[in-house]
Amino acid sequence: MRWINRKPSRVLAWVLATLPFIIVFAAYAIGSEIRLSVNPADKLLPAPSQIWETALRLLTEGDRRSGRILFWHDTAASLRRLGLGVGIAATMGLVFGMAIGLLPYMRATFATFISVLSMVPPLAILPILFIVFGLGELSKVALIVIGIGPFLIRDLWMRVTEIPTELVVKAQTLGASSWIIAMRVAGPQIMPRLLQSVRLSLGPAWLFLIASEAIAAEGGLGYRIFLVRRYLAMDVILTYVIWITLLAFLLDLLLKVLTRALFPWFGEKRA
């Protein structure tokens, strides 16, 4: 049997999925052990046990000044900014994507503009956002919106144009207006694709969030990472990096489950 026709069993697939993580962890543990055996005071690769102890301390101990647990405070601040930015960008993507995809006048007016706008490096305009909107929450949310909004708009309008013309023609034959076509024909086709596009945009959204928090913020996961780097606190940095990765994975999993629950036909169609 050819390899392209061989599929692993469920148990083997689970083992293969965990194998890269085990290899990375083992490589890190060996590297850390080698460095610490040469220099016990080395801070570059703290031992896994030290990272675990640091994580427990960060998750449970409050700050000496404020009394609040900074780890959870930073998490709440970052998730609030991320949620606002992604939510606004997704709404813009849905509205403008459907409008540009369905209406020729909108496509003629905005298609080229959105295409050019999506080519602008978002991090390059971060100083402009700080100047225009200040160093508060608005500039950070705006960076996420500008960073992923044009991509979502482009992706969704292309998905709208892929809707079979026969469906639109039949709807018009039955007397449907442009609004009804958008809501009853294009909408159900586009919503699962919107969730998929948001999943693909989570990585860049986290990047823009961490970058904005690192430059100017009073709290947040990115702010804390760049605050402790001056002390070479790699155990704290790695704890936050692992936590950010876990949060990103859980958000992606949540959107995946939500897509399957709300649009079960979409997975079957792709299969």
Protein backbone atom coordinates (compact mmCIF):
# COMPACT_ATOMS: atom_id res chain seq x y z
CA MET A 1 0.00 0.00 0.00
CA ARG A 2 1.23 3.47 -0.87
CA TRP A 3 2.08 5.81 2.01
CA ILE A 4 -0.43 8.40 0.83
CA ASN A 5 -3.20 5.84 1.46
CA ARG A 6 -2.03 4.80 4.93
CA LYS A 7 -3.83 6.38 7.87
CA PRO A 8 -2.83 5.98 11.53
CA SER A 9 -5.29 4.61 14.06
CA ARG A 10 -6.77 6.96 16.64
CA VAL A 11 -4.32 5.85 19.33
CA LEU A 12 -1.35 6.08 17.00
CA ALA A 13 -2.48 9.50 15.79
CA TRP A 14 -2.57 10.71 19.41
CA VAL A 15 0.92 9.32 20.03
CA LEU A 16 2.28 10.95 16.88
CA ALA A 17 0.67 14.27 17.85
CA THR A 18 2.35 14.27 21.26
CA LEU A 19 5.72 13.07 19.95
CA PRO A 20 7.03 16.52 18.78
CA PHE A 21 6.17 18.05 22.16
CA ILE A 22 8.03 15.28 23.97
CA ILE A 23 11.06 15.75 21.72
CA VAL A 24 11.12 19.53 22.27
CA PHE A 25 10.72 19.13 26.04
CA ALA A 26 13.47 16.49 26.18
CA ALA A 27 15.81 18.64 24.09
CA TYR A 28 15.19 21.63 26.36
CA ALA A 29 15.66 19.56 29.54
CA ILE A 30 18.94 18.11 28.26
CA GLY A 31 20.21 21.54 27.17
CA SER A 32 19.25 23.04 30.51
CA GLU A 33 20.95 20.24 32.42
CA ILE A 34 24.16 20.69 30.41
CA ARG A 35 24.29 24.45 30.97
CA LEU A 36 23.45 24.21 34.68
CA SER A 37 26.08 21.52 35.22
CA VAL A 38 28.68 23.95 33.88
CA ASN A 39 27.26 27.03 35.61
CA PRO A 40 24.61 26.47 38.32
CA ALA A 41 23.82 30.21 38.26
CA ASP A 42 23.01 30.19 34.55
CA LYS A 43 19.74 32.01 33.76
CA LEU A 44 19.42 31.34 30.04
CA LEU A 45 17.90 27.84 30.30
CA PRO A 46 16.29 27.40 33.72
CA ALA A 47 15.46 23.85 34.73
CA PRO A 48 11.90 22.62 34.04
CA SER A 49 11.41 22.24 37.80
CA GLN A 50 12.31 25.90 38.30
CA ILE A 51 9.84 26.96 35.60
CA TRP A 52 7.14 24.90 37.30
CA GLU A 53 7.85 26.48 40.68
CA THR A 54 7.82 29.95 39.12
CA ALA A 55 4.50 29.21 37.41
CA LEU A 56 2.92 28.13 40.69
CA ARG A 57 4.19 31.27 42.38
CA LEU A 58 2.92 33.54 39.62
CA LEU A 59 -0.50 31.88 39.60
CA THR A 60 -1.06 32.02 43.35
CA GLU A 61 0.95 34.80 45.00
CA GLY A 62 -0.29 38.37 45.04
CA ASP A 63 1.75 41.48 44.40
CA ARG A 64 3.30 43.04 47.51
CA ARG A 65 2.04 46.53 46.67
CA SER A 66 -1.43 45.96 45.24
CA GLY A 67 -2.20 42.52 46.65
CA ARG A 68 -3.65 41.30 43.36
CA ILE A 69 -2.20 38.41 41.41
CA LEU A 70 -0.46 40.11 38.50
CA PHE A 71 -0.52 36.99 36.32
CA TRP A 72 -4.31 36.93 36.16
CA HIS A 73 -4.49 40.71 35.93
CA ASP A 74 -2.18 40.66 32.90
CA THR A 75 -4.18 37.83 31.35
CA ALA A 76 -7.47 39.70 31.75
CA ALA A 77 -6.00 42.90 30.29
CA SER A 78 -4.57 41.13 27.23
CA LEU A 79 -7.69 39.06 26.57
CA ARG A 80 -9.84 42.19 26.81
CA ARG A 81 -7.72 43.97 24.21
CA LEU A 82 -7.55 40.90 22.00
CA GLY A 83 -11.29 40.31 22.22
CA LEU A 84 -12.13 43.90 21.31
CA GLY A 85 -9.68 44.00 18.42
CA VAL A 86 -10.65 40.64 16.93
CA GLY A 87 -14.37 41.30 17.47
CA ILE A 88 -14.28 44.66 15.70
CA ALA A 89 -12.14 43.27 12.88
CA ALA A 90 -14.47 40.27 12.43
CA THR A 91 -17.52 42.54 12.28
CA MET A 92 -15.82 44.74 9.70
CA GLY A 93 -14.76 41.68 7.74
CA LEU A 94 -18.30 40.32 7.66
CA VAL A 95 -20.01 43.59 6.70
CA PHE A 96 -17.51 44.88 4.15
CA GLY A 97 -16.68 41.42 2.85
CA MET A 98 -20.29 40.67 2.01
CA ALA A 99 -20.88 44.15 0.61
CA ILE A 100 -17.83 44.08 -1.66
CA GLY A 101 -18.51 40.50 -2.72
CA LEU A 102 -22.19 41.06 -3.55
CA LEU A 103 -22.41 44.65 -4.78
CA PRO A 104 -20.48 45.56 -7.96
CA TYR A 105 -20.39 49.27 -7.05
CA MET A 106 -18.86 48.49 -3.66
CA ARG A 107 -16.37 46.14 -5.31
CA ALA A 108 -15.36 48.76 -7.86
CA THR A 109 -14.92 51.38 -5.12
CA PHE A 110 -13.21 49.49 -2.31
CA ALA A 111 -11.62 46.31 -3.70
CA THR A 112 -8.38 47.94 -4.78
CA PHE A 113 -8.21 50.12 -1.68
CA ILE A 114 -8.59 47.14 0.68
CA SER A 115 -6.01 45.18 -1.31
CA VAL A 116 -3.48 47.99 -0.97
CA LEU A 117 -4.35 48.54 2.70
CA SER A 118 -3.70 44.88 3.47
CA MET A 119 -0.13 45.30 2.19
CA VAL A 120 0.75 47.97 4.78
CA PRO A 121 2.89 46.45 7.57
CA PRO A 122 0.81 47.08 10.73
CA LEU A 123 3.83 47.32 13.03
CA ALA A 124 5.27 50.06 10.83
CA ILE A 125 2.33 52.34 11.65
CA LEU A 126 2.34 51.57 15.37
CA PRO A 127 4.16 54.85 16.20
CA ILE A 128 1.50 56.70 14.19
CA LEU A 129 -1.25 55.02 16.17
CA PHE A 130 0.42 56.01 19.45
CA ILE A 131 0.68 59.61 18.23
CA VAL A 132 -2.92 59.77 16.99
CA PHE A 133 -4.70 57.70 19.64
CA GLY A 134 -2.28 58.05 22.54
CA LEU A 135 -0.70 55.31 24.63
CA GLY A 136 -3.95 53.98 26.06
CA GLU A 137 -6.16 51.06 25.13
CA LEU A 138 -7.43 52.54 21.87
CA SER A 139 -4.10 52.39 20.05
CA LYS A 140 -3.57 48.73 20.99
CA VAL A 141 -7.04 47.70 19.84
CA ALA A 142 -6.63 49.77 16.67
CA LEU A 143 -3.40 47.95 15.82
CA ILE A 144 -5.16 44.58 15.99
CA VAL A 145 -8.07 45.86 13.88
CA ILE A 146 -5.76 47.35 11.24
CA GLY A 147 -3.54 44.28 11.36
CA ILE A 148 -6.17 41.62 10.65
CA GLY A 149 -9.20 43.60 9.41
CA PRO A 150 -8.13 43.96 5.76
CA PHE A 151 -7.22 40.26 5.60
CA LEU A 152 -10.65 39.26 6.89
CA ILE A 153 -12.39 41.58 4.43
CA ARG A 154 -10.41 40.24 1.47
CA ASP A 155 -10.89 36.63 2.47
CA LEU A 156 -14.64 36.95 2.96
CA TRP A 157 -15.33 38.88 -0.20
CA MET A 158 -13.46 36.21 -2.16
CA ARG A 159 -15.57 33.58 -0.44
CA VAL A 160 -18.73 35.48 -1.38
CA THR A 161 -17.70 35.54 -5.03
CA GLU A 162 -17.27 31.74 -4.85
CA ILE A 163 -20.96 31.24 -4.01
CA PRO A 164 -22.58 29.48 -7.03
CA THR A 165 -24.25 32.01 -9.29
CA GLU A 166 -27.22 29.67 -9.62
CA LEU A 167 -28.16 30.26 -5.98
CA VAL A 168 -28.23 34.02 -6.42
CA VAL A 169 -30.17 33.77 -9.69
CA LYS A 170 -32.76 31.44 -8.14
CA ALA A 171 -33.19 33.79 -5.19
CA GLN A 172 -33.78 36.72 -7.55
CA THR A 173 -36.24 34.65 -9.56
CA LEU A 174 -38.23 34.06 -6.39
CA GLY A 175 -38.31 37.83 -5.79
CA ALA A 176 -35.58 38.13 -3.15
CA SER A 177 -34.12 41.60 -2.61
CA SER A 178 -30.42 42.33 -2.26
CA TRP A 179 -30.82 42.37 1.52
CA ILE A 180 -32.59 38.99 1.55
CA ILE A 181 -29.92 37.51 -0.70
CA ALA A 182 -27.23 38.78 1.66
CA MET A 183 -29.00 37.39 4.74
CA ARG A 184 -30.48 34.15 3.43
CA VAL A 185 -28.08 33.11 0.65
CA ALA A 186 -24.65 34.61 1.33
CA GLY A 187 -24.88 34.82 5.13
CA PRO A 188 -25.19 31.10 5.93
CA GLN A 189 -22.38 30.34 3.48
CA ILE A 190 -20.05 32.97 4.89
CA MET A 191 -20.46 32.62 8.67
CA PRO A 192 -18.47 29.37 9.04
CA ARG A 193 -15.79 30.79 6.75
CA LEU A 194 -15.66 33.87 8.98
CA LEU A 195 -14.91 31.69 12.00
CA GLN A 196 -12.21 29.91 10.03
CA SER A 197 -10.67 33.21 8.96
CA VAL A 198 -10.69 34.44 12.55
CA ARG A 199 -8.87 31.24 13.57
CA LEU A 200 -6.18 31.96 10.98
CA SER A 201 -5.94 35.57 12.20
CA LEU A 202 -5.40 34.75 15.87
CA GLY A 203 -1.65 34.30 15.40
CA PRO A 204 -1.08 37.76 13.87
CA ALA A 205 -3.54 39.27 16.37
CA TRP A 206 -1.47 37.96 19.28
CA LEU A 207 1.68 39.28 17.61
CA PHE A 208 0.24 42.80 17.29
CA LEU A 209 -1.08 42.68 20.85
CA ILE A 210 2.25 41.64 22.38
CA ALA A 211 4.14 44.23 20.30
CA SER A 212 1.87 47.09 21.37
CA GLU A 213 1.94 46.03 25.04
CA ALA A 214 5.73 45.73 24.97
CA ILE A 215 6.14 49.32 23.79
CA ALA A 216 3.57 51.14 25.90
CA ALA A 217 1.29 49.57 28.50
CA GLU A 218 0.64 49.44 32.22
CA GLY A 219 -0.30 45.78 32.24
CA GLY A 220 -0.70 42.77 29.99
CA LEU A 221 1.17 39.64 29.05
CA GLY A 222 3.46 41.38 26.57
CA TYR A 223 4.13 44.19 29.03
CA ARG A 224 5.19 41.74 31.74
CA ILE A 225 7.50 39.79 29.43
CA PHE A 226 9.40 42.88 28.35
CA LEU A 227 9.42 44.25 31.90
CA VAL A 228 11.24 41.25 33.39
CA ARG A 229 13.65 40.77 30.49
CA ARG A 230 15.96 43.38 32.01
CA TYR A 231 16.46 41.01 34.95
CA LEU A 232 17.04 37.99 32.66
CA ALA A 233 14.13 36.27 34.42
CA MET A 234 13.84 33.51 31.85
CA ASP A 235 11.70 31.37 34.16
CA VAL A 236 9.06 34.13 34.23
CA ILE A 237 9.37 34.82 30.51
CA LEU A 238 9.00 31.16 29.58
CA THR A 239 6.01 30.80 31.90
CA TYR A 240 4.27 33.69 30.15
CA VAL A 241 5.22 32.38 26.69
CA ILE A 242 3.81 28.95 27.50
CA TRP A 243 0.65 30.55 28.88
CA ILE A 244 0.18 32.71 25.78
CA THR A 245 0.63 29.65 23.59
CA LEU A 246 -1.92 27.72 25.65
CA LEU A 247 -4.42 30.59 25.47
CA ALA A 248 -4.01 30.82 21.69
CA PHE A 249 -4.52 27.06 21.37
CA LEU A 250 -7.65 27.13 23.55
CA LEU A 251 -9.14 30.03 21.59
CA ASP A 252 -8.46 28.21 18.33
CA LEU A 253 -10.04 25.04 19.75
CA LEU A 254 -13.06 27.02 20.95
CA LEU A 255 -13.64 28.47 17.48
CA LYS A 256 -13.21 25.02 15.95
CA VAL A 257 -15.80 23.48 18.29
CA LEU A 258 -18.13 26.44 17.75
CA THR A 259 -17.91 26.00 13.99
CA ARG A 260 -18.75 22.30 14.26
CA ALA A 261 -21.64 22.97 16.62
CA LEU A 262 -23.25 25.80 14.67
CA PHE A 263 -22.44 24.63 11.14
CA PRO A 264 -22.07 20.84 11.12
CA TRP A 265 -22.70 20.74 7.39
CA PHE A 266 -19.59 22.83 6.75
CA GLY A 267 -17.19 20.13 7.93
CA GLU A 268 -19.05 17.50 5.91
CA LYS A 269 -18.91 19.71 2.84
CA ARG A 270 -15.15 20.15 3.18
CA ALA A 271 -14.65 16.43 3.76
